[in-house]
């Protein structure tokens, strides 16, 4: 997700320059409202493009940083299935988890955009003065409940296409009947939904941190005015 927070952080860098160099003529011409507007424009463009990247085919599945694995709490179940010749079924199941995440990620962009539009001047400057993942944390706080609400039905529909939900439920319920084992959660939808959202924000945080350190473009009028 090369562009998810790419444009956003350029705005952050620009506004930081304004705060630090008050005598700079270009910066002096910008008001807090101008800066907030520029940040919103940049964030809107960035989150829209970024969401498109993870929602494309293999956006999760072929990205090792966010690929959703077989549930870790039942790793022994996966190992057993593979030893008895069911490796393909396990692989198909993992693929279905990631396809579900890719389908659900299509719902992320409009939710992010709404959060950006609701941003106040105080929010904007808090992001500027915050940690390397301040924008990510802002979006996480503002959007996680809505993302879960939107993702769950999409994930469920996607998993149902390949009977992944039934297969997983039957498998876990059987496992839980084994004496002395630690019982696990058979709620596949919750697992896939949480992992999809976790992966989304993992990429947001990574790009935000990287681009805060290395801005290379000016994509809004605000940025061009500050750095000209």
Protein backbone atom coordinates (compact mmCIF):
# COMPACT_ATOMS: atom_id res chain seq x y z
CA UNK A 1 0.00 0.00 0.00
CA UNK A 2 2.43 2.56 -1.23
CA UNK A 3 0.04 5.49 -1.27
CA UNK A 4 -2.33 5.01 1.63
CA UNK A 5 -0.87 7.74 3.79
CA UNK A 6 1.61 8.89 1.15
CA UNK A 7 -0.02 12.20 0.29
CA UNK A 8 -1.21 12.69 3.87
CA UNK A 9 2.25 12.80 5.33
CA UNK A 10 3.46 15.36 2.85
CA UNK A 11 0.78 17.61 4.30
CA UNK A 12 1.97 16.76 7.77
CA UNK A 13 5.52 17.70 6.79
CA UNK A 14 4.36 20.94 5.25
CA UNK A 15 2.43 21.99 8.31
CA UNK A 16 5.35 21.09 10.55
CA UNK A 17 7.44 23.45 8.51
CA UNK A 18 4.87 26.16 9.13
CA UNK A 19 4.99 25.62 12.86
CA UNK A 20 8.78 25.62 13.00
CA UNK A 21 9.55 28.43 10.62
CA UNK A 22 7.06 31.17 11.34
CA UNK A 23 9.14 33.71 9.48
CA UNK A 24 8.90 31.84 6.22
CA UNK A 25 6.81 34.01 3.90
CA UNK A 26 4.98 31.17 2.23
CA UNK A 27 4.10 29.59 5.55
CA UNK A 28 3.00 32.88 7.03
CA UNK A 29 0.41 33.23 4.29
CA UNK A 30 -1.31 30.04 5.39
CA UNK A 31 -3.98 30.05 8.09
CA UNK A 32 -4.94 27.14 10.33
CA UNK A 33 -8.02 26.70 8.16
CA UNK A 34 -5.86 26.49 5.02
CA UNK A 35 -3.63 23.92 6.62
CA UNK A 36 -6.55 21.78 7.82
CA UNK A 37 -8.19 21.94 4.41
CA UNK A 38 -4.97 20.87 2.74
CA UNK A 39 -4.54 18.00 5.17
CA UNK A 40 -8.09 16.82 4.55
CA UNK A 41 -7.60 16.93 0.79
CA UNK A 42 -4.39 14.94 1.06
CA UNK A 43 -5.85 12.37 3.45
CA UNK A 44 -8.94 11.88 1.30
CA UNK A 45 -6.84 11.19 -1.77
CA UNK A 46 -4.43 8.96 0.13
CA UNK A 47 -6.94 6.75 1.93
CA UNK A 48 -9.02 6.28 -1.20
CA UNK A 49 -6.06 5.08 -3.25
CA UNK A 50 -4.73 3.00 -0.38
CA UNK A 51 -8.00 1.16 0.19
CA UNK A 52 -8.09 0.35 -3.50
CA UNK A 53 -4.67 -1.26 -3.24
CA UNK A 54 -5.59 -3.77 -0.52
CA UNK A 55 -9.01 -4.50 -1.98
CA UNK A 56 -7.64 -5.66 -5.33
CA UNK A 57 -7.06 -9.33 -6.12
CA UNK A 58 -4.23 -10.67 -3.92
CA UNK A 59 -4.07 -7.38 -1.98
CA UNK A 60 -3.95 -9.47 1.20
CA UNK A 61 -3.11 -12.93 -0.05
CA UNK A 62 0.19 -12.04 -1.72
CA UNK A 63 1.30 -9.48 0.85
CA UNK A 64 3.23 -11.38 3.56
CA UNK A 65 2.81 -8.52 6.02
CA UNK A 66 -0.97 -8.72 6.11
CA UNK A 67 -1.82 -12.15 4.70
CA UNK A 68 -4.37 -13.80 6.98
CA UNK A 69 -3.08 -17.19 8.18
CA UNK A 70 -4.80 -20.29 9.48
CA UNK A 71 -5.91 -19.30 13.00
CA UNK A 72 -2.87 -19.52 15.26
CA UNK A 73 -4.82 -20.87 18.23
CA UNK A 74 -5.52 -24.07 16.29
CA UNK A 75 -2.14 -24.50 14.64
CA UNK A 76 -2.07 -28.11 15.81
CA UNK A 77 -5.27 -28.74 13.86
CA UNK A 78 -3.67 -27.36 10.69
CA UNK A 79 -0.59 -29.52 11.22
CA UNK A 80 -2.71 -32.64 11.70
CA UNK A 81 -4.75 -31.96 8.57
CA UNK A 82 -1.61 -31.54 6.50
CA UNK A 83 -0.11 -34.78 7.81
CA UNK A 84 -3.16 -36.74 6.67
CA UNK A 85 -3.09 -35.36 3.14
CA UNK A 86 -5.47 -32.42 3.50
CA UNK A 87 -2.94 -29.72 2.70
CA UNK A 88 -4.90 -28.48 -0.31
CA UNK A 89 -8.02 -28.03 1.79
CA UNK A 90 -6.04 -26.01 4.32
CA UNK A 91 -4.54 -23.85 1.55
CA UNK A 92 -7.95 -23.30 -0.03
CA UNK A 93 -9.32 -22.30 3.36
CA UNK A 94 -6.55 -19.74 3.91
CA UNK A 95 -7.13 -18.36 0.43
CA UNK A 96 -10.83 -17.94 1.22
CA UNK A 97 -9.97 -15.93 4.34
CA UNK A 98 -7.86 -13.52 2.32
CA UNK A 99 -10.36 -13.21 -0.51
CA UNK A 100 -12.95 -12.28 2.10
CA UNK A 101 -10.66 -9.55 3.44
CA UNK A 102 -10.05 -8.20 -0.05
CA UNK A 103 -13.79 -8.06 -0.69
CA UNK A 104 -14.44 -6.32 2.62
CA UNK A 105 -11.67 -3.74 2.14
CA UNK A 106 -13.71 -2.19 -0.66
CA UNK A 107 -15.92 -0.78 2.08
CA UNK A 108 -13.05 1.05 3.81
CA UNK A 109 -12.53 4.12 1.61
CA UNK A 110 -15.88 5.88 2.20
CA UNK A 111 -15.59 5.25 5.95
CA UNK A 112 -12.12 6.77 6.02
CA UNK A 113 -13.25 9.75 3.93
CA UNK A 114 -16.09 10.49 6.36
CA UNK A 115 -13.63 10.44 9.27
CA UNK A 116 -11.36 12.85 7.41
CA UNK A 117 -14.23 15.24 6.68
CA UNK A 118 -15.09 15.28 10.38
CA UNK A 119 -11.53 16.27 11.32
CA UNK A 120 -11.23 19.53 13.27
CA UNK A 121 -8.36 22.01 13.32
CA UNK A 122 -7.38 20.60 16.71
CA UNK A 123 -7.36 17.09 15.23
CA UNK A 124 -5.11 18.22 12.40
CA UNK A 125 -2.53 19.81 14.65
CA UNK A 126 -2.68 16.89 17.09
CA UNK A 127 -1.71 14.65 14.19
CA UNK A 128 1.13 16.99 13.29
CA UNK A 129 2.54 17.04 16.80
CA UNK A 130 1.87 13.38 17.53
CA UNK A 131 3.79 10.16 17.12
CA UNK A 132 4.87 8.60 13.84
CA UNK A 133 1.51 6.83 13.57
CA UNK A 134 -0.69 9.72 14.76
CA UNK A 135 -2.77 9.81 11.57
CA UNK A 136 -3.20 6.04 11.71
CA UNK A 137 -4.33 6.19 15.32
CA UNK A 138 -6.79 8.97 14.49
CA UNK A 139 -8.33 6.88 11.73
CA UNK A 140 -8.34 3.74 13.89
CA UNK A 141 -10.17 5.52 16.71
CA UNK A 142 -12.70 7.13 14.39
CA UNK A 143 -13.41 4.25 12.04
CA UNK A 144 -12.93 0.84 13.70
CA UNK A 145 -16.58 0.39 14.81
CA UNK A 146 -17.87 1.34 11.36
CA UNK A 147 -15.30 -0.85 9.63
CA UNK A 148 -16.38 -3.85 11.67
CA UNK A 149 -20.03 -3.17 10.91
CA UNK A 150 -19.36 -2.93 7.17
CA UNK A 151 -16.79 -5.72 6.96
CA UNK A 152 -18.72 -8.45 8.77
CA UNK A 153 -21.52 -9.06 6.26
CA UNK A 154 -19.11 -8.89 3.32
CA UNK A 155 -16.72 -11.33 4.99
CA UNK A 156 -19.61 -13.65 5.84
CA UNK A 157 -20.91 -13.66 2.27
CA UNK A 158 -17.45 -14.29 0.86
CA UNK A 159 -16.74 -17.18 3.24
CA UNK A 160 -20.13 -18.73 2.56
CA UNK A 161 -19.34 -18.96 -1.15
CA UNK A 162 -16.81 -21.70 -0.47
CA UNK A 163 -18.47 -23.19 2.62
CA UNK A 164 -15.49 -22.00 4.67
CA UNK A 165 -17.69 -21.03 7.61
CA UNK A 166 -19.30 -24.46 7.89
CA UNK A 167 -16.01 -26.28 7.40
CA UNK A 168 -14.30 -24.18 10.05
CA UNK A 169 -17.17 -24.48 12.52
CA UNK A 170 -17.36 -28.26 12.16
CA UNK A 171 -13.62 -28.59 12.49
CA UNK A 172 -13.38 -26.45 15.62
CA UNK A 173 -16.40 -28.00 17.27
CA UNK A 174 -14.89 -31.44 16.76
CA UNK A 175 -11.57 -30.25 18.12
CA UNK A 176 -13.21 -28.81 21.22
CA UNK A 177 -14.69 -32.22 22.05
CA UNK A 178 -11.24 -33.73 22.49
CA UNK A 179 -10.58 -34.25 26.23
CA UNK A 180 -8.23 -31.84 27.97
CA UNK A 181 -7.71 -29.46 25.03
CA UNK A 182 -8.03 -25.70 25.42
CA UNK A 183 -11.24 -24.73 23.69
CA UNK A 184 -11.04 -22.22 20.85
CA UNK A 185 -13.44 -19.72 19.33
CA UNK A 186 -15.33 -21.11 16.32
CA UNK A 187 -16.43 -17.66 15.16
CA UNK A 188 -14.67 -17.51 11.79
CA UNK A 189 -16.34 -14.27 10.76
CA UNK A 190 -15.00 -12.42 13.79
CA UNK A 191 -11.51 -13.83 13.19
CA UNK A 192 -11.44 -12.89 9.49
CA UNK A 193 -12.97 -9.46 10.13
CA UNK A 194 -10.51 -8.58 12.90
CA UNK A 195 -7.55 -9.77 10.83
CA UNK A 196 -8.72 -7.81 7.80
CA UNK A 197 -8.95 -4.59 9.80
CA UNK A 198 -5.67 -5.30 11.57
CA UNK A 199 -3.92 -5.74 8.21
CA UNK A 200 -5.42 -2.55 6.86
CA UNK A 201 -4.07 -0.48 9.73
CA UNK A 202 -0.72 -2.28 9.68
CA UNK A 203 -0.12 -0.95 6.19
CA UNK A 204 -1.39 2.51 7.08
CA UNK A 205 1.01 2.77 10.01
CA UNK A 206 3.96 1.48 8.00
CA UNK A 207 3.53 3.96 5.19
CA UNK A 208 2.84 6.85 7.54
CA UNK A 209 6.08 6.21 9.44
CA UNK A 210 8.12 5.85 6.26
CA UNK A 211 6.79 8.89 4.50
CA UNK A 212 7.06 11.17 7.52
CA UNK A 213 10.80 10.60 7.23
CA UNK A 214 11.10 10.86 3.47
CA UNK A 215 8.65 13.22 1.69
CA UNK A 216 9.21 13.26 -2.07
CA UNK A 217 6.16 14.92 -3.62
CA UNK A 218 3.88 17.94 -3.43
CA UNK A 219 0.38 17.10 -4.53
CA UNK A 220 -1.81 19.89 -3.17
CA UNK A 221 -1.87 23.65 -3.65
CA UNK A 222 -1.13 24.06 0.07
CA UNK A 223 2.08 22.06 -0.21
CA UNK A 224 3.17 23.86 -3.34
CA UNK A 225 2.60 27.20 -1.66
CA UNK A 226 4.57 26.24 1.43
CA UNK A 227 7.60 24.89 -0.40
CA UNK A 228 7.82 27.15 -3.43
